[in-house]
Amino acid sequence: MSELSKYVRVSDAVREALEGGRPVVALESTIISHGMPYPKNVETALRVEEMVRRNGALPATTALLDGQIVVGLTEEEIERVGQAGLSSTKTSRRDIPIVLAEKKIGSTTVTGTMLAAHLAGISVLATGGIGGVHRRGETTMDISADLEELSQTSVMVVCSGAKSVLDIGRTLEYLETKGVPVIGFQTDRMPAFYTRDSGFSLAARLDEPADIARAFEIKRSLGLSGGMMVANPIPVENEMDAEAIENTIQEALREVEDQGVVGKDITPFLLDRIHSITGGKSLESNIALVLNNARVAALIAVELSKESE
């Protein structure tokens, strides 16, 4: 057994699809464990997988289980992660060796999922929103590892922009500095998770999945390092009121400061508080945008498989 196969288990279905050149979309598991309560989390994860299948690709949800990075969870394994909930370890690049060594349940962040996808040979990942530079990040230096992973790992991430609780302007500046292409899918504006327009313009817009797949294939062919971000706005009918959500975020941020929440606990805390303050409306928007991102990611993965023929 190679050292890699010792710690990475790719499901038979995913391995066969990749060997046959068929489209696969990686899916993170933090949204299952830390994004919403059980059993809504498991129900949503299975709906996201079905959305990927319906649009022509195979889903590969990832997590750390029993000392291995698992790429392509079974329904039973998704249930296990969902039931573990907040007791599972939110796993980024730095956490992977420790979680594997201790054989804990680890739910993969965007960073962890990008790394798992890359190890398995998957090129497209769907998520809700990426992490980024936190508000007041210029003084706290609180910057998500997602941005660094995008700068070095050749995986395309389809998302609804950066989470609304972040400093989106500085997040875009960071990505530009690192040479990460940020492409608006059918939009000229950077989305802000719950809303379609963060107020920031994007340097690139492509309206067809085939064009995005071609751009990514060209990037890889030229040997340009790093990934690509596809900014896909939340559907119009699921968008929240921008002023109302910003007021909610400000209230939640005050609670973060009052309660001394720090590090990787900040984003889950904020999303939970926003869910409570909005009476659950934010959760429904969250689910809608993840499903939409899974749809677009599958369409791009299908086109990318054609480009690679």
Protein backbone atom coordinates (compact mmCIF):
# COMPACT_ATOMS: atom_id res chain seq x y z
CA MET A 1 0.00 0.00 0.00
CA SER A 2 1.40 3.41 -0.95
CA GLU A 3 1.69 6.12 1.69
CA LEU A 4 -1.03 8.10 -0.14
CA SER A 5 -3.53 5.25 -0.38
CA LYS A 6 -2.87 4.51 3.28
CA TYR A 7 -4.40 7.86 4.24
CA VAL A 8 -6.73 8.62 1.30
CA ARG A 9 -9.72 6.43 0.47
CA VAL A 10 -11.48 7.21 -2.81
CA SER A 11 -14.82 5.46 -3.24
CA ASP A 12 -15.08 2.89 -6.02
CA ALA A 13 -17.68 4.99 -7.87
CA VAL A 14 -15.53 8.12 -7.78
CA ARG A 15 -12.37 6.25 -8.76
CA GLU A 16 -14.09 4.57 -11.70
CA ALA A 17 -15.56 7.88 -12.89
CA LEU A 18 -12.18 9.60 -12.75
CA GLU A 19 -10.43 6.72 -14.53
CA GLY A 20 -13.11 6.88 -17.24
CA GLY A 21 -12.76 10.64 -17.66
CA ARG A 22 -16.29 11.29 -16.40
CA PRO A 23 -17.20 14.50 -14.52
CA VAL A 24 -16.93 14.57 -10.73
CA VAL A 25 -17.71 17.41 -8.29
CA ALA A 26 -16.15 17.50 -4.82
CA LEU A 27 -18.35 18.65 -1.93
CA GLU A 28 -17.26 19.85 1.51
CA SER A 29 -18.61 18.45 4.77
CA THR A 30 -18.30 21.43 7.13
CA ILE A 31 -21.71 22.54 5.89
CA ILE A 32 -23.03 19.18 7.16
CA SER A 33 -21.41 19.33 10.59
CA HIS A 34 -21.21 23.07 11.33
CA GLY A 35 -23.60 24.67 8.84
CA MET A 36 -26.98 23.52 10.10
CA PRO A 37 -28.61 21.28 12.70
CA TYR A 38 -29.30 17.54 12.39
CA PRO A 39 -31.23 16.11 10.54
CA LYS A 40 -31.58 19.14 8.22
CA ASN A 41 -27.86 18.92 7.51
CA VAL A 42 -28.02 15.33 6.23
CA GLU A 43 -31.15 16.04 4.21
CA THR A 44 -29.44 19.03 2.59
CA ALA A 45 -26.22 17.11 1.86
CA LEU A 46 -28.18 14.41 0.04
CA ARG A 47 -30.13 17.06 -1.91
CA VAL A 48 -26.87 18.68 -2.97
CA GLU A 49 -25.51 15.33 -4.13
CA GLU A 50 -28.69 14.69 -6.10
CA MET A 51 -28.42 18.13 -7.74
CA VAL A 52 -24.92 17.23 -8.95
CA ARG A 53 -26.16 13.92 -10.38
CA ARG A 54 -29.15 15.55 -12.04
CA ASN A 55 -26.82 17.85 -13.95
CA GLY A 56 -24.57 15.14 -15.29
CA ALA A 57 -21.75 14.71 -12.76
CA LEU A 58 -20.92 12.42 -9.85
CA PRO A 59 -20.82 13.95 -6.35
CA ALA A 60 -17.85 13.26 -4.05
CA THR A 61 -18.53 14.51 -0.54
CA THR A 62 -15.36 14.46 1.56
CA ALA A 63 -14.57 14.03 5.25
CA LEU A 64 -11.97 12.47 7.56
CA LEU A 65 -13.07 9.18 9.09
CA ASP A 66 -11.14 6.49 10.98
CA GLY A 67 -7.71 7.81 10.07
CA GLN A 68 -8.39 8.38 6.37
CA ILE A 69 -9.41 11.21 4.07
CA VAL A 70 -12.54 9.81 2.45
CA VAL A 71 -13.46 11.13 -1.00
CA GLY A 72 -16.97 10.01 -1.88
CA LEU A 73 -18.93 9.39 1.32
CA THR A 74 -21.70 6.81 1.45
CA GLU A 75 -25.14 7.83 2.75
CA GLU A 76 -24.29 6.11 6.02
CA GLU A 77 -21.06 8.11 6.32
CA ILE A 78 -22.89 11.37 5.59
CA GLU A 79 -25.33 10.42 8.35
CA ARG A 80 -22.40 9.79 10.69
CA VAL A 81 -20.88 13.22 10.01
CA GLY A 82 -24.29 14.86 10.35
CA GLN A 83 -24.98 13.23 13.70
CA ALA A 84 -21.50 14.19 14.95
CA GLY A 85 -22.31 17.82 14.20
CA LEU A 86 -20.26 20.34 16.13
CA SER A 87 -18.37 17.58 17.93
CA SER A 88 -16.52 16.81 14.68
CA THR A 89 -13.32 18.73 14.00
CA LYS A 90 -13.56 21.51 11.44
CA THR A 91 -10.61 20.43 9.31
CA SER A 92 -8.40 22.69 7.20
CA ARG A 93 -4.94 21.90 5.74
CA ARG A 94 -3.13 22.41 9.06
CA ASP A 95 -5.54 20.11 10.94
CA ILE A 96 -5.45 17.11 8.61
CA PRO A 97 -2.39 15.28 10.05
CA ILE A 98 -3.62 15.63 13.63
CA VAL A 99 -7.19 14.55 12.90
CA LEU A 100 -5.91 11.54 10.93
CA ALA A 101 -3.46 10.61 13.68
CA GLU A 102 -6.18 10.75 16.34
CA LYS A 103 -8.70 9.03 14.03
CA LYS A 104 -11.34 11.64 14.81
CA ILE A 105 -14.27 12.65 12.62
CA GLY A 106 -13.13 15.65 10.60
CA SER A 107 -15.44 17.76 8.47
CA THR A 108 -13.54 19.39 5.62
CA THR A 109 -13.56 23.13 5.04
CA VAL A 110 -13.12 24.57 1.53
CA THR A 111 -9.36 24.30 2.07
CA GLY A 112 -9.53 20.71 3.32
CA THR A 113 -11.85 19.72 0.49
CA MET A 114 -9.63 21.37 -2.14
CA LEU A 115 -6.68 19.38 -0.86
CA ALA A 116 -8.68 16.13 -0.76
CA ALA A 117 -10.02 16.76 -4.27
CA HIS A 118 -6.54 17.47 -5.60
CA LEU A 119 -5.16 14.29 -4.04
CA ALA A 120 -7.96 12.29 -5.67
CA GLY A 121 -7.67 14.02 -9.06
CA ILE A 122 -10.93 16.02 -8.92
CA SER A 123 -10.85 19.47 -10.53
CA VAL A 124 -14.19 21.06 -9.52
CA LEU A 125 -15.57 21.80 -6.05
CA ALA A 126 -18.94 23.27 -5.05
CA THR A 127 -19.52 25.06 -1.78
CA GLY A 128 -21.63 27.86 -0.28
CA GLY A 129 -19.18 30.70 0.18
CA ILE A 130 -15.43 30.82 0.62
CA GLY A 131 -13.66 32.19 3.66
CA GLY A 132 -11.66 35.37 3.29
CA VAL A 133 -10.23 38.38 5.05
CA HIS A 134 -12.24 39.02 8.20
CA ARG A 135 -13.56 42.45 9.04
CA ARG A 136 -10.77 44.34 10.83
CA GLY A 137 -8.42 41.77 9.30
CA GLU A 138 -5.90 44.53 8.63
CA THR A 139 -5.23 44.62 12.37
CA THR A 140 -6.10 41.08 13.47
CA MET A 141 -4.48 39.31 10.47
CA ASP A 142 -7.46 36.93 10.55
CA ILE A 143 -7.39 35.60 6.98
CA SER A 144 -8.98 32.32 5.93
CA ALA A 145 -6.72 29.53 4.70
CA ASP A 146 -9.15 29.20 1.77
CA LEU A 147 -7.41 32.11 0.05
CA GLU A 148 -3.95 30.60 0.37
CA GLU A 149 -5.24 27.22 -0.84
CA LEU A 150 -6.77 28.88 -3.89
CA SER A 151 -3.37 30.37 -4.65
CA GLN A 152 -1.57 27.02 -4.69
CA THR A 153 -3.96 24.13 -5.41
CA SER A 154 -5.32 23.55 -8.91
CA VAL A 155 -9.01 23.11 -8.12
CA MET A 156 -11.89 25.28 -9.34
CA VAL A 157 -14.21 26.46 -6.55
CA VAL A 158 -17.81 27.36 -7.44
CA CYS A 159 -19.34 29.51 -4.70
CA SER A 160 -21.64 32.45 -4.01
CA GLY A 161 -18.68 34.73 -3.34
CA ALA A 162 -17.24 35.25 0.10
CA LYS A 163 -19.42 34.98 3.18
CA SER A 164 -21.23 38.24 3.97
CA VAL A 165 -19.62 38.44 7.41
CA LEU A 166 -16.20 39.05 5.81
CA ASP A 167 -14.38 42.05 4.34
CA ILE A 168 -15.15 41.32 0.70
CA GLY A 169 -13.10 44.17 -0.76
CA ARG A 170 -9.93 43.04 0.99
CA THR A 171 -10.70 39.43 0.11
CA LEU A 172 -10.75 40.32 -3.58
CA GLU A 173 -7.52 42.29 -3.21
CA TYR A 174 -5.84 39.30 -1.56
CA LEU A 175 -6.96 36.97 -4.36
CA GLU A 176 -5.68 39.41 -6.98
CA THR A 177 -2.30 39.61 -5.26
CA LYS A 178 -2.10 35.80 -5.25
CA GLY A 179 -2.98 35.60 -8.94
CA VAL A 180 -6.27 33.74 -8.45
CA PRO A 181 -8.78 34.33 -11.30
CA VAL A 182 -12.21 35.28 -9.93
CA ILE A 183 -14.83 34.83 -12.64
CA GLY A 184 -18.38 36.07 -12.33
CA PHE A 185 -20.82 33.51 -13.72
CA GLN A 186 -23.40 35.60 -15.60
CA THR A 187 -22.55 38.60 -13.41
CA ASP A 188 -20.16 41.55 -13.36
CA ARG A 189 -20.43 41.94 -9.59
CA MET A 190 -19.00 39.98 -6.70
CA PRO A 191 -21.86 38.27 -4.84
CA ALA A 192 -21.98 38.35 -1.06
CA PHE A 193 -23.44 34.98 -0.11
CA TYR A 194 -26.95 36.00 1.00
CA THR A 195 -27.10 38.84 -1.57
CA ARG A 196 -26.26 39.01 -5.27
CA ASP A 197 -24.18 42.18 -5.18
CA SER A 198 -21.49 43.02 -2.63
CA GLY A 199 -20.87 46.42 -4.19
CA PHE A 200 -17.58 45.28 -5.77
CA SER A 201 -17.00 44.77 -9.50
CA LEU A 202 -15.26 41.73 -10.92
CA ALA A 203 -12.47 41.81 -13.48
CA ALA A 204 -13.88 38.86 -15.47
CA ARG A 205 -17.30 37.59 -16.48
CA LEU A 206 -18.18 34.42 -18.40
CA ASP A 207 -21.75 33.39 -19.14
CA GLU A 208 -21.36 29.79 -20.32
CA PRO A 209 -20.07 26.75 -18.39
CA ALA A 210 -18.07 25.71 -21.47
CA ASP A 211 -16.18 29.02 -21.47
CA ILE A 212 -15.27 28.64 -17.79
CA ALA A 213 -14.11 25.06 -18.37
CA ARG A 214 -11.98 26.20 -21.31
CA ALA A 215 -10.37 28.98 -19.25
CA PHE A 216 -9.50 26.51 -16.48
CA GLU A 217 -8.08 23.97 -18.94
CA ILE A 218 -5.92 26.69 -20.54
CA LYS A 219 -4.70 27.73 -17.08
CA ARG A 220 -3.65 24.15 -16.34
CA SER A 221 -2.09 23.66 -19.76
CA LEU A 222 0.11 26.70 -19.23
CA GLY A 223 1.28 25.34 -15.89
CA LEU A 224 -0.08 28.31 -13.97
CA SER A 225 -0.24 27.41 -10.29
CA GLY A 226 -3.29 27.68 -8.10
CA GLY A 227 -7.01 27.36 -8.54
CA MET A 228 -9.86 29.43 -9.88
CA MET A 229 -12.92 30.88 -8.20
CA VAL A 230 -16.30 31.03 -9.93
CA ALA A 231 -18.63 33.55 -8.28
CA ASN A 232 -22.22 32.37 -8.79
CA PRO A 233 -24.87 34.66 -7.22
CA ILE A 234 -27.69 33.33 -5.08
CA PRO A 235 -30.91 32.96 -7.13
CA VAL A 236 -32.95 36.18 -7.21
CA GLU A 237 -35.93 34.60 -5.47
CA ASN A 238 -33.78 33.50 -2.52
CA GLU A 239 -31.81 36.72 -2.04
CA MET A 240 -32.09 38.47 1.33
CA ASP A 241 -32.48 42.22 1.84
CA ALA A 242 -28.96 43.70 1.83
CA GLU A 243 -29.60 46.35 4.51
CA ALA A 244 -31.38 43.91 6.82
CA ILE A 245 -28.63 41.30 6.54
CA GLU A 246 -25.90 43.90 7.16
CA ASN A 247 -27.68 45.12 10.30
CA THR A 248 -27.93 41.50 11.44
CA ILE A 249 -24.21 40.94 10.78
CA GLN A 250 -23.28 44.04 12.77
CA GLU A 251 -25.36 42.82 15.71
CA ALA A 252 -23.72 39.39 15.52
CA LEU A 253 -20.23 40.94 15.29
CA ARG A 254 -20.86 42.86 18.51
CA GLU A 255 -21.72 39.56 20.18
CA VAL A 256 -18.47 38.03 18.86
CA GLU A 257 -16.52 40.79 20.56
CA ASP A 258 -18.55 40.67 23.77
CA GLN A 259 -18.15 36.91 24.08
CA GLY A 260 -14.51 36.78 23.01
CA VAL A 261 -15.04 34.35 20.13
CA VAL A 262 -11.82 33.92 18.12
CA GLY A 263 -10.19 32.01 15.26
CA LYS A 264 -12.06 29.35 13.32
CA ASP A 265 -15.02 29.56 15.74
CA ILE A 266 -15.95 33.04 14.48
CA THR A 267 -17.67 32.12 11.20
CA PRO A 268 -19.83 29.26 12.60
CA PHE A 269 -20.79 31.52 15.52
CA LEU A 270 -21.77 34.37 13.21
CA LEU A 271 -23.78 32.14 10.87
CA ASP A 272 -25.61 30.59 13.83
CA ARG A 273 -26.46 34.01 15.28
CA ILE A 274 -27.62 35.29 11.88
CA HIS A 275 -29.83 32.22 11.60
CA SER A 276 -31.34 32.94 15.02
CA ILE A 277 -31.80 36.67 14.41
CA THR A 278 -33.44 36.16 11.00
CA GLY A 279 -35.78 33.49 12.31
CA GLY A 280 -34.31 30.82 10.04
CA LYS A 281 -34.59 32.79 6.78
CA SER A 282 -30.82 32.86 6.35
CA LEU A 283 -30.67 29.06 6.53
CA GLU A 284 -33.16 28.69 3.68
CA SER A 285 -31.12 31.15 1.60
CA ASN A 286 -27.98 29.21 2.46
CA ILE A 287 -29.50 25.95 1.25
CA ALA A 288 -30.76 27.56 -1.97
CA LEU A 289 -27.38 29.00 -2.89
CA VAL A 290 -25.54 25.73 -2.18
CA LEU A 291 -27.94 23.82 -4.42
CA ASN A 292 -27.45 26.41 -7.16
CA ASN A 293 -23.68 26.20 -6.85
CA ALA A 294 -23.83 22.40 -7.07
CA ARG A 295 -25.86 22.73 -10.27
CA VAL A 296 -23.41 25.14 -11.91
CA ALA A 297 -20.37 23.15 -10.73
CA ALA A 298 -21.79 19.99 -12.31
CA LEU A 299 -22.41 21.78 -15.61
CA ILE A 300 -18.83 23.09 -15.63
CA ALA A 301 -17.42 19.66 -14.70
CA VAL A 302 -19.28 18.12 -17.64
CA GLU A 303 -17.73 20.68 -19.99
CA LEU A 304 -14.30 20.24 -18.41
CA SER A 305 -14.43 16.50 -19.05
CA LYS A 306 -14.97 17.30 -22.76
CA GLU A 307 -12.01 19.71 -22.75
CA SER A 308 -9.78 16.98 -21.32
CA GLU A 309 -10.67 14.39 -23.99
